[in-house]
């Protein structure tokens, strides 16, 4: 059965054609999400100004601070805590130190199983909104292996970034860019990547308990990661169901298959 997914088979050729279009489809979906989000944000603002009678309220979207992997610049409130688990192996935590400064970080078990070298990551971010529904954020993402043995230590990877978000909790769009830096904490081996990373992500709440999310990470000249799917919302918890496309896996020696696979995560927000 798995041979169907290998190169040089008719099935692979047909699937590869559609997968090669997947990225552009996701970009179109992200743009449509963005346009719809902007329209909804504008409509909601206008209606709020025009109507004297308050509408029936629905529970707030506590997951508006993030998409599937990357984040919007809508900050956590002070002292709020958020937890997300992806594939049961990646654990992510956020804490609102202030209304503008969010401390994020986490750990995963995959590297521990593969090479016995567990990794943690940290991601402090400062965001503010100079005007209504417009947010600017700067952050610093860094992955740190815990072991210090150079033979097994793959080194650290850091990522300063700038991000812009427009919209509300229910409808928003974000653009981001950053520069990966390898071995920042080992000055002898520090090296900047020769490519930039760009992101375009959109979220729109189409129903009370359902939001559509399109997330696209572009590694200039290197490849892309694209995730598209839905988020099932409740008052404090959410469940993400999506498809992820990663172009890096198509030519990998071990993953010489169609690089589309399910994405599954859930999150919970503590506090108000």
Foldseek 3Di string as FASTA:
>chain_A
DCVLFFPPHPSVVVVVVVLVCVQVVLVVVLVVLQVVQVVVQVVVVVCVVVDPDDDDDFFFQPQLQCFQPGGAQQFDAAQKKKWKDWPNFWIKIWHRPHNFKIKIKTWGCPCCVVQNWTKIKIKIKGKDAPDPQKMKMWIKIKIATPDDPVVRGPFMKMKTKIKIKGGDSAWIKMKMKIWIWTRPVPVVPIDTDPWMKIKIKIWHAPDSFKIWIWIKIDTVPPWIKIWTFMWGDDNFKIKTWIKIATPVQCPDPVRVGRRIDIIIMMMGMPDD
